[in-house]
Amino acid sequence: MPFCLTMSESGAYNTRGVLACGIRSDWGVQRGDIIVQVRGWKEEVVLTRLMLAMIGVMCLAMPAAAADTIAEEVAKLNLSPEQLVELGEFVFNTEGANTCLKCHGKGGTGGDQAGAADLRHPRTWRSYQALGGDEAFTADKEAFLKKMDTALHFLINKGATTWNQRFAKTHKDVVYDWSKVEKADKYDSMMKGVTTGPMKNRVKDLQEKLGDAGKSLKFNDLAEVAAFVALEYVKSLDDGSDQGGVFK
């Protein structure tokens, strides 16, 4: 409750409801010269609660960060770019059904899976187009490629089915506009990433490769590393043509 210190008709000063005190009339203070308002504890509590509520609403309104946790974890391994591409080539060139090699082909083209992306031509990829294509790429290349990496790391690690179900919910500021993609509104479920049997076996083999570099990881972490290095290898396949030139 606020209170005021005011001059009464008798020349004494009184507060309303909280405090009373006297002031000598020979100070020469005239009526109305002093008005002191002090917020009581109740107003402070109400104000604090209001501020906290506003902060909460603001936090809810903010988009979730598109943290690329896979990239963050791989960075801790301190592997050189050359090592990453070498490991990625090892992962990519896995024999067997539903593998990167089987679906996309040697060097990223000519695989058995109909409709599989030509990995030499990233401008034709669904991720590139859905994230805004050439216009978005030109406007802010660094931000565009970061979003593209985040989306593709998740896709290779989890496969298309899980990506279609979960990615948009967990990465709200990496927005796909599927209307920009010809004849597609999601990823083909045949894109399995490193989740198939042959790929999982290759992920286990990756542990030995990393061990040679003095690294030791749990299987789930290995799968994330496999997804990351596979993409690094795929980037190296960019042929720099009109349909490529994204990673060169």
C-alpha atoms as a PDB file:
ATOM      1  CA  MET A   1       0.000   0.000   0.000  1.00  0.00           C
ATOM      2  CA  PRO A   2       1.537   3.367  -0.961  1.00  0.00           C
ATOM      3  CA  PHE A   3       1.421   6.150   1.611  1.00  0.00           C
ATOM      4  CA  CYS A   4       1.893   9.890   1.447  1.00  0.00           C
ATOM      5  CA  LEU A   5       3.522  12.268   3.890  1.00  0.00           C
ATOM      6  CA  THR A   6       1.505  15.493   3.787  1.00  0.00           C
ATOM      7  CA  MET A   7       1.034  18.641   5.844  1.00  0.00           C
ATOM      8  CA  SER A   8      -2.112  18.820   7.942  1.00  0.00           C
ATOM      9  CA  GLU A   9      -4.058  21.994   8.722  1.00  0.00           C
ATOM     10  CA  SER A  10      -2.275  22.170  12.083  1.00  0.00           C
ATOM     11  CA  GLY A  11       1.117  22.121  10.416  1.00  0.00           C
ATOM     12  CA  ALA A  12       1.955  18.536  11.445  1.00  0.00           C
ATOM     13  CA  TYR A  13       2.875  15.909   8.867  1.00  0.00           C
ATOM     14  CA  ASN A  14       0.996  12.606   8.804  1.00  0.00           C
ATOM     15  CA  THR A  15       1.062   9.485   6.683  1.00  0.00           C
ATOM     16  CA  ARG A  16      -2.069   7.690   5.567  1.00  0.00           C
ATOM     17  CA  GLY A  17      -2.425   4.177   6.977  1.00  0.00           C
ATOM     18  CA  VAL A  18       1.248   3.229   7.504  1.00  0.00           C
ATOM     19  CA  LEU A  19       3.338   5.783   9.388  1.00  0.00           C
ATOM     20  CA  ALA A  20       2.878   8.974  11.357  1.00  0.00           C
ATOM     21  CA  CYS A  21       5.550  11.456  12.265  1.00  0.00           C
ATOM     22  CA  GLY A  22       5.746  15.106  13.353  1.00  0.00           C
ATOM     23  CA  ILE A  23       7.720  17.900  11.759  1.00  0.00           C
ATOM     24  CA  ARG A  24       8.309  21.228  13.458  1.00  0.00           C
ATOM     25  CA  SER A  25       6.350  24.093  11.971  1.00  0.00           C
ATOM     26  CA  ASP A  26       9.295  26.471  12.445  1.00  0.00           C
ATOM     27  CA  TRP A  27      11.108  24.707   9.582  1.00  0.00           C
ATOM     28  CA  GLY A  28       9.153  26.986   7.293  1.00  0.00           C
ATOM     29  CA  VAL A  29       7.854  24.226   5.065  1.00  0.00           C
ATOM     30  CA  GLN A  30       4.615  25.153   3.377  1.00  0.00           C
ATOM     31  CA  ARG A  31       1.636  22.876   2.917  1.00  0.00           C
ATOM     32  CA  GLY A  32       2.010  20.619  -0.132  1.00  0.00           C
ATOM     33  CA  ASP A  33       5.780  21.139  -0.449  1.00  0.00           C
ATOM     34  CA  ILE A  34       6.574  17.527   0.491  1.00  0.00           C
ATOM     35  CA  ILE A  35       4.841  14.469  -0.939  1.00  0.00           C
ATOM     36  CA  VAL A  36       6.678  11.209  -0.422  1.00  0.00           C
ATOM     37  CA  GLN A  37       5.350   8.031  -1.948  1.00  0.00           C
ATOM     38  CA  VAL A  38       6.769   4.679  -0.976  1.00  0.00           C
ATOM     39  CA  ARG A  39       5.633   1.387  -2.428  1.00  0.00           C
ATOM     40  CA  GLY A  40       4.669  -1.138   0.165  1.00  0.00           C
ATOM     41  CA  TRP A  41       5.796  -4.758   0.080  1.00  0.00           C
ATOM     42  CA  LYS A  42       2.561  -5.928  -1.482  1.00  0.00           C
ATOM     43  CA  GLU A  43       3.089  -3.753  -4.539  1.00  0.00           C
ATOM     44  CA  GLU A  44       6.654  -5.017  -4.833  1.00  0.00           C
ATOM     45  CA  VAL A  45       5.447  -8.621  -4.802  1.00  0.00           C
ATOM     46  CA  VAL A  46       2.783  -7.924  -7.420  1.00  0.00           C
ATOM     47  CA  LEU A  47       5.274  -6.103  -9.627  1.00  0.00           C
ATOM     48  CA  THR A  48       7.844  -8.913  -9.334  1.00  0.00           C
ATOM     49  CA  ARG A  49       5.275 -11.545 -10.252  1.00  0.00           C
ATOM     50  CA  LEU A  50       4.155  -9.513 -13.234  1.00  0.00           C
ATOM     51  CA  MET A  51       7.717  -9.153 -14.486  1.00  0.00           C
ATOM     52  CA  LEU A  52       8.380 -12.886 -14.125  1.00  0.00           C
ATOM     53  CA  ALA A  53       5.184 -13.681 -16.015  1.00  0.00           C
ATOM     54  CA  MET A  54       6.214 -11.371 -18.844  1.00  0.00           C
ATOM     55  CA  ILE A  55       9.646 -12.991 -19.028  1.00  0.00           C
ATOM     56  CA  GLY A  56       8.004 -16.422 -19.190  1.00  0.00           C
ATOM     57  CA  VAL A  57       5.774 -15.366 -22.077  1.00  0.00           C
ATOM     58  CA  MET A  58       8.760 -13.952 -23.933  1.00  0.00           C
ATOM     59  CA  CYS A  59      10.693 -17.195 -23.485  1.00  0.00           C
ATOM     60  CA  LEU A  60       7.797 -19.225 -24.837  1.00  0.00           C
ATOM     61  CA  ALA A  61       7.551 -16.945 -27.837  1.00  0.00           C
ATOM     62  CA  MET A  62      11.224 -17.351 -28.710  1.00  0.00           C
ATOM     63  CA  PRO A  63      12.032 -20.069 -31.260  1.00  0.00           C
ATOM     64  CA  ALA A  64      13.951 -23.110 -30.095  1.00  0.00           C
ATOM     65  CA  ALA A  65      17.605 -22.912 -30.950  1.00  0.00           C
ATOM     66  CA  ALA A  66      18.748 -24.998 -33.863  1.00  0.00           C
ATOM     67  CA  ALA A  67      21.637 -26.414 -31.956  1.00  0.00           C
ATOM     68  CA  ASP A  68      23.628 -28.895 -34.026  1.00  0.00           C
ATOM     69  CA  THR A  69      24.609 -31.115 -31.106  1.00  0.00           C
ATOM     70  CA  ILE A  70      26.240 -33.624 -33.447  1.00  0.00           C
ATOM     71  CA  ALA A  71      28.626 -31.003 -34.827  1.00  0.00           C
ATOM     72  CA  GLU A  72      29.366 -29.799 -31.302  1.00  0.00           C
ATOM     73  CA  GLU A  73      30.304 -33.289 -30.110  1.00  0.00           C
ATOM     74  CA  VAL A  74      32.437 -34.084 -33.167  1.00  0.00           C
ATOM     75  CA  ALA A  75      34.327 -30.824 -32.720  1.00  0.00           C
ATOM     76  CA  LYS A  76      35.530 -32.123 -29.339  1.00  0.00           C
ATOM     77  CA  LEU A  77      37.383 -34.946 -31.117  1.00  0.00           C
ATOM     78  CA  ASN A  78      39.770 -32.431 -32.687  1.00  0.00           C
ATOM     79  CA  LEU A  79      39.996 -34.334 -35.973  1.00  0.00           C
ATOM     80  CA  SER A  80      41.415 -32.583 -39.008  1.00  0.00           C
ATOM     81  CA  PRO A  81      39.211 -31.917 -42.072  1.00  0.00           C
ATOM     82  CA  GLU A  82      41.218 -34.535 -43.955  1.00  0.00           C
ATOM     83  CA  GLN A  83      40.577 -37.127 -41.239  1.00  0.00           C
ATOM     84  CA  LEU A  84      36.860 -36.353 -41.258  1.00  0.00           C
ATOM     85  CA  VAL A  85      36.589 -36.862 -45.019  1.00  0.00           C
ATOM     86  CA  GLU A  86      38.647 -40.063 -44.845  1.00  0.00           C
ATOM     87  CA  LEU A  87      36.409 -41.487 -42.125  1.00  0.00           C
ATOM     88  CA  GLY A  88      33.348 -40.356 -44.073  1.00  0.00           C
ATOM     89  CA  GLU A  89      34.511 -42.211 -47.162  1.00  0.00           C
ATOM     90  CA  PHE A  90      34.938 -45.330 -45.012  1.00  0.00           C
ATOM     91  CA  VAL A  91      31.372 -45.009 -43.729  1.00  0.00           C
ATOM     92  CA  PHE A  92      29.843 -44.134 -47.100  1.00  0.00           C
ATOM     93  CA  ASN A  93      31.394 -47.003 -49.046  1.00  0.00           C
ATOM     94  CA  THR A  94      29.660 -49.728 -47.043  1.00  0.00           C
ATOM     95  CA  GLU A  95      28.554 -52.770 -49.021  1.00  0.00           C
ATOM     96  CA  GLY A  96      25.084 -54.217 -48.530  1.00  0.00           C
ATOM     97  CA  ALA A  97      21.411 -53.361 -48.865  1.00  0.00           C
ATOM     98  CA  ASN A  98      20.135 -49.904 -47.930  1.00  0.00           C
ATOM     99  CA  THR A  99      23.565 -48.368 -47.569  1.00  0.00           C
ATOM    100  CA  CYS A 100      24.816 -45.009 -48.795  1.00  0.00           C
ATOM    101  CA  LEU A 101      26.806 -46.763 -51.526  1.00  0.00           C
ATOM    102  CA  LYS A 102      23.942 -48.981 -52.649  1.00  0.00           C
ATOM    103  CA  CYS A 103      21.366 -46.197 -52.885  1.00  0.00           C
ATOM    104  CA  HIS A 104      23.497 -43.296 -54.152  1.00  0.00           C
ATOM    105  CA  GLY A 105      26.261 -45.106 -56.009  1.00  0.00           C
ATOM    106  CA  LYS A 106      30.025 -44.850 -56.123  1.00  0.00           C
ATOM    107  CA  GLY A 107      31.035 -41.212 -56.000  1.00  0.00           C
ATOM    108  CA  GLY A 108      27.467 -40.229 -55.132  1.00  0.00           C
ATOM    109  CA  THR A 109      25.769 -41.031 -58.430  1.00  0.00           C
ATOM    110  CA  GLY A 110      24.319 -44.016 -60.281  1.00  0.00           C
ATOM    111  CA  GLY A 111      22.934 -45.906 -57.284  1.00  0.00           C
ATOM    112  CA  ASP A 112      20.114 -48.440 -57.295  1.00  0.00           C
ATOM    113  CA  GLN A 113      17.510 -46.403 -55.418  1.00  0.00           C
ATOM    114  CA  ALA A 114      15.145 -44.572 -57.768  1.00  0.00           C
ATOM    115  CA  GLY A 115      14.912 -40.885 -56.922  1.00  0.00           C
ATOM    116  CA  ALA A 116      18.016 -40.889 -54.703  1.00  0.00           C
ATOM    117  CA  ALA A 117      19.789 -37.553 -54.708  1.00  0.00           C
ATOM    118  CA  ASP A 118      22.763 -37.045 -56.993  1.00  0.00           C
ATOM    119  CA  LEU A 119      25.301 -36.190 -54.332  1.00  0.00           C
ATOM    120  CA  ARG A 120      27.504 -34.307 -56.802  1.00  0.00           C
ATOM    121  CA  HIS A 121      24.754 -31.705 -57.251  1.00  0.00           C
ATOM    122  CA  PRO A 122      23.672 -30.256 -53.882  1.00  0.00           C
ATOM    123  CA  ARG A 123      21.551 -27.534 -55.499  1.00  0.00           C
ATOM    124  CA  THR A 124      19.154 -30.310 -56.528  1.00  0.00           C
ATOM    125  CA  TRP A 125      18.830 -31.706 -52.992  1.00  0.00           C
ATOM    126  CA  ARG A 126      15.557 -31.363 -51.145  1.00  0.00           C
ATOM    127  CA  SER A 127      17.297 -29.768 -48.182  1.00  0.00           C
ATOM    128  CA  TYR A 128      18.834 -27.052 -50.357  1.00  0.00           C
ATOM    129  CA  GLN A 129      15.556 -26.238 -52.061  1.00  0.00           C
ATOM    130  CA  ALA A 130      13.353 -26.430 -48.947  1.00  0.00           C
ATOM    131  CA  LEU A 131      15.649 -24.072 -47.031  1.00  0.00           C
ATOM    132  CA  GLY A 132      15.205 -21.388 -49.677  1.00  0.00           C
ATOM    133  CA  GLY A 133      17.508 -22.405 -52.516  1.00  0.00           C
ATOM    134  CA  ASP A 134      19.768 -19.978 -54.314  1.00  0.00           C
ATOM    135  CA  GLU A 135      18.096 -16.891 -52.866  1.00  0.00           C
ATOM    136  CA  ALA A 136      18.657 -17.902 -49.250  1.00  0.00           C
ATOM    137  CA  PHE A 137      22.111 -19.299 -50.013  1.00  0.00           C
ATOM    138  CA  THR A 138      23.228 -16.034 -51.586  1.00  0.00           C
ATOM    139  CA  ALA A 139      21.686 -13.876 -48.863  1.00  0.00           C
ATOM    140  CA  ASP A 140      23.575 -15.539 -45.998  1.00  0.00           C
ATOM    141  CA  LYS A 141      25.757 -18.457 -47.039  1.00  0.00           C
ATOM    142  CA  GLU A 142      27.143 -19.188 -43.563  1.00  0.00           C
ATOM    143  CA  ALA A 143      23.742 -19.313 -41.852  1.00  0.00           C
ATOM    144  CA  PHE A 144      22.247 -21.304 -44.733  1.00  0.00           C
ATOM    145  CA  LEU A 145      24.966 -23.975 -44.640  1.00  0.00           C
ATOM    146  CA  LYS A 146      24.724 -24.241 -40.854  1.00  0.00           C
ATOM    147  CA  LYS A 147      20.998 -24.986 -41.121  1.00  0.00           C
ATOM    148  CA  MET A 148      21.631 -27.424 -43.934  1.00  0.00           C
ATOM    149  CA  ASP A 149      24.276 -29.247 -41.883  1.00  0.00           C
ATOM    150  CA  THR A 150      21.956 -29.449 -38.875  1.00  0.00           C
ATOM    151  CA  ALA A 151      19.144 -30.936 -40.953  1.00  0.00           C
ATOM    152  CA  LEU A 152      21.344 -33.437 -42.791  1.00  0.00           C
ATOM    153  CA  HIS A 153      23.248 -34.593 -39.701  1.00  0.00           C
ATOM    154  CA  PHE A 154      19.889 -35.464 -38.123  1.00  0.00           C
ATOM    155  CA  LEU A 155      18.672 -37.138 -41.332  1.00  0.00           C
ATOM    156  CA  ILE A 156      21.743 -39.353 -41.746  1.00  0.00           C
ATOM    157  CA  ASN A 157      21.837 -40.217 -38.049  1.00  0.00           C
ATOM    158  CA  LYS A 158      18.135 -41.034 -37.591  1.00  0.00           C
ATOM    159  CA  GLY A 159      16.811 -41.796 -41.083  1.00  0.00           C
ATOM    160  CA  ALA A 160      13.953 -40.178 -42.976  1.00  0.00           C
ATOM    161  CA  THR A 161      11.040 -41.607 -40.996  1.00  0.00           C
ATOM    162  CA  THR A 162      12.276 -40.181 -37.701  1.00  0.00           C
ATOM    163  CA  TRP A 163      13.331 -36.942 -39.409  1.00  0.00           C
ATOM    164  CA  ASN A 164       9.836 -36.468 -40.843  1.00  0.00           C
ATOM    165  CA  GLN A 165       8.244 -37.068 -37.446  1.00  0.00           C
ATOM    166  CA  ARG A 166      10.572 -35.171 -35.135  1.00  0.00           C
ATOM    167  CA  PHE A 167      12.946 -32.730 -36.765  1.00  0.00           C
ATOM    168  CA  ALA A 168      10.584 -29.769 -37.118  1.00  0.00           C
ATOM    169  CA  LYS A 169       9.522 -30.131 -33.473  1.00  0.00           C
ATOM    170  CA  THR A 170      13.057 -30.119 -32.104  1.00  0.00           C
ATOM    171  CA  HIS A 171      14.589 -27.553 -34.484  1.00  0.00           C
ATOM    172  CA  LYS A 172      11.992 -24.827 -34.827  1.00  0.00           C
ATOM    173  CA  ASP A 173      14.289 -22.276 -36.468  1.00  0.00           C
ATOM    174  CA  VAL A 174      15.375 -24.612 -39.269  1.00  0.00           C
ATOM    175  CA  VAL A 175      12.264 -24.225 -41.370  1.00  0.00           C
ATOM    176  CA  TYR A 176      11.653 -26.338 -44.455  1.00  0.00           C
ATOM    177  CA  ASP A 177       9.311 -24.885 -47.075  1.00  0.00           C
ATOM    178  CA  TRP A 178       8.313 -28.024 -48.921  1.00  0.00           C
ATOM    179  CA  SER A 179       6.373 -25.989 -51.479  1.00  0.00           C
ATOM    180  CA  LYS A 180       9.755 -25.096 -52.970  1.00  0.00           C
ATOM    181  CA  VAL A 181      10.568 -28.767 -53.546  1.00  0.00           C
ATOM    182  CA  GLU A 182       9.271 -30.383 -56.719  1.00  0.00           C
ATOM    183  CA  LYS A 183       6.959 -33.338 -56.085  1.00  0.00           C
ATOM    184  CA  ALA A 184       7.870 -33.821 -52.430  1.00  0.00           C
ATOM    185  CA  ASP A 185       6.485 -32.787 -49.061  1.00  0.00           C
ATOM    186  CA  LYS A 186       8.805 -34.935 -46.915  1.00  0.00           C
ATOM    187  CA  TYR A 187      11.833 -37.183 -47.137  1.00  0.00           C
ATOM    188  CA  ASP A 188      11.497 -40.600 -48.765  1.00  0.00           C
ATOM    189  CA  SER A 189      11.329 -43.277 -46.068  1.00  0.00           C
ATOM    190  CA  MET A 190      13.879 -45.307 -48.018  1.00  0.00           C
ATOM    191  CA  MET A 191      16.528 -42.845 -46.836  1.00  0.00           C
ATOM    192  CA  LYS A 192      17.778 -44.886 -43.871  1.00  0.00           C
ATOM    193  CA  GLY A 193      21.042 -43.154 -43.049  1.00  0.00           C
ATOM    194  CA  VAL A 194      23.216 -45.148 -40.658  1.00  0.00           C
ATOM    195  CA  THR A 195      20.276 -47.038 -39.124  1.00  0.00           C
ATOM    196  CA  THR A 196      20.356 -50.217 -41.267  1.00  0.00           C
ATOM    197  CA  GLY A 197      22.149 -53.434 -40.326  1.00  0.00           C
ATOM    198  CA  PRO A 198      25.149 -53.025 -42.650  1.00  0.00           C
ATOM    199  CA  MET A 199      25.549 -49.381 -41.664  1.00  0.00           C
ATOM    200  CA  LYS A 200      25.385 -50.203 -37.944  1.00  0.00           C
ATOM    201  CA  ASN A 201      28.124 -52.781 -38.443  1.00  0.00           C
ATOM    202  CA  ARG A 202      30.191 -50.125 -40.193  1.00  0.00           C
ATOM    203  CA  VAL A 203      29.612 -47.770 -37.307  1.00  0.00           C
ATOM    204  CA  LYS A 204      31.092 -50.393 -34.994  1.00  0.00           C
ATOM    205  CA  ASP A 205      34.085 -50.684 -37.317  1.00  0.00           C
ATOM    206  CA  LEU A 206      34.463 -46.929 -37.060  1.00  0.00           C
ATOM    207  CA  GLN A 207      35.448 -47.376 -33.420  1.00  0.00           C
ATOM    208  CA  GLU A 208      38.643 -49.100 -34.515  1.00  0.00           C
ATOM    209  CA  LYS A 209      39.409 -46.287 -36.908  1.00  0.00           C
ATOM    210  CA  LEU A 210      38.891 -43.728 -34.179  1.00  0.00           C
ATOM    211  CA  GLY A 211      40.931 -45.827 -31.786  1.00  0.00           C
ATOM    212  CA  ASP A 212      43.886 -45.431 -34.124  1.00  0.00           C
ATOM    213  CA  ALA A 213      43.482 -41.688 -33.559  1.00  0.00           C
ATOM    214  CA  GLY A 214      43.285 -42.172 -29.786  1.00  0.00           C
ATOM    215  CA  LYS A 215      39.498 -41.719 -29.547  1.00  0.00           C
ATOM    216  CA  SER A 216      37.002 -43.953 -27.757  1.00  0.00           C
ATOM    217  CA  LEU A 217      33.220 -43.444 -27.925  1.00  0.00           C
ATOM    218  CA  LYS A 218      29.956 -45.140 -26.980  1.00  0.00           C
ATOM    219  CA  PHE A 219      27.866 -46.601 -29.805  1.00  0.00           C
ATOM    220  CA  ASN A 220      25.265 -43.815 -29.816  1.00  0.00           C
ATOM    221  CA  ASP A 221      28.053 -41.277 -30.039  1.00  0.00           C
ATOM    222  CA  LEU A 222      29.667 -43.312 -32.807  1.00  0.00           C
ATOM    223  CA  ALA A 223      26.450 -43.138 -34.841  1.00  0.00           C
ATOM    224  CA  GLU A 224      26.492 -39.354 -34.571  1.00  0.00           C
ATOM    225  CA  VAL A 225      30.126 -39.231 -35.629  1.00  0.00           C
ATOM    226  CA  ALA A 226      29.332 -41.556 -38.542  1.00  0.00           C
ATOM    227  CA  ALA A 227      26.541 -39.222 -39.686  1.00  0.00           C
ATOM    228  CA  PHE A 228      28.823 -36.201 -39.451  1.00  0.00           C
ATOM    229  CA  VAL A 229      31.798 -37.680 -41.304  1.00  0.00           C
ATOM    230  CA  ALA A 230      29.569 -39.210 -43.976  1.00  0.00           C
ATOM    231  CA  LEU A 231      28.260 -35.743 -44.790  1.00  0.00           C
ATOM    232  CA  GLU A 232      31.792 -34.339 -44.847  1.00  0.00           C
ATOM    233  CA  TYR A 233      32.689 -36.942 -47.453  1.00  0.00           C
ATOM    234  CA  VAL A 234      29.523 -36.212 -49.425  1.00  0.00           C
ATOM    235  CA  LYS A 235      30.426 -32.520 -49.486  1.00  0.00           C
ATOM    236  CA  SER A 236      33.726 -33.425 -51.123  1.00  0.00           C
ATOM    237  CA  LEU A 237      31.758 -34.942 -54.049  1.00  0.00           C
ATOM    238  CA  ASP A 238      30.366 -31.519 -55.063  1.00  0.00           C
ATOM    239  CA  ASP A 239      31.524 -31.192 -58.671  1.00  0.00           C
ATOM    240  CA  GLY A 240      31.345 -27.394 -58.758  1.00  0.00           C
ATOM    241  CA  SER A 241      28.900 -27.398 -61.689  1.00  0.00           C
ATOM    242  CA  ASP A 242      25.846 -25.180 -62.063  1.00  0.00           C
ATOM    243  CA  GLN A 243      23.970 -27.725 -59.976  1.00  0.00           C
ATOM    244  CA  GLY A 244      26.799 -27.938 -57.471  1.00  0.00           C
ATOM    245  CA  GLY A 245      29.179 -25.316 -56.183  1.00  0.00           C
ATOM    246  CA  VAL A 246      27.594 -25.204 -52.741  1.00  0.00           C
ATOM    247  CA  PHE A 247      30.501 -26.720 -50.812  1.00  0.00           C
ATOM    248  CA  LYS A 248      33.335 -25.691 -53.130  1.00  0.00           C
END
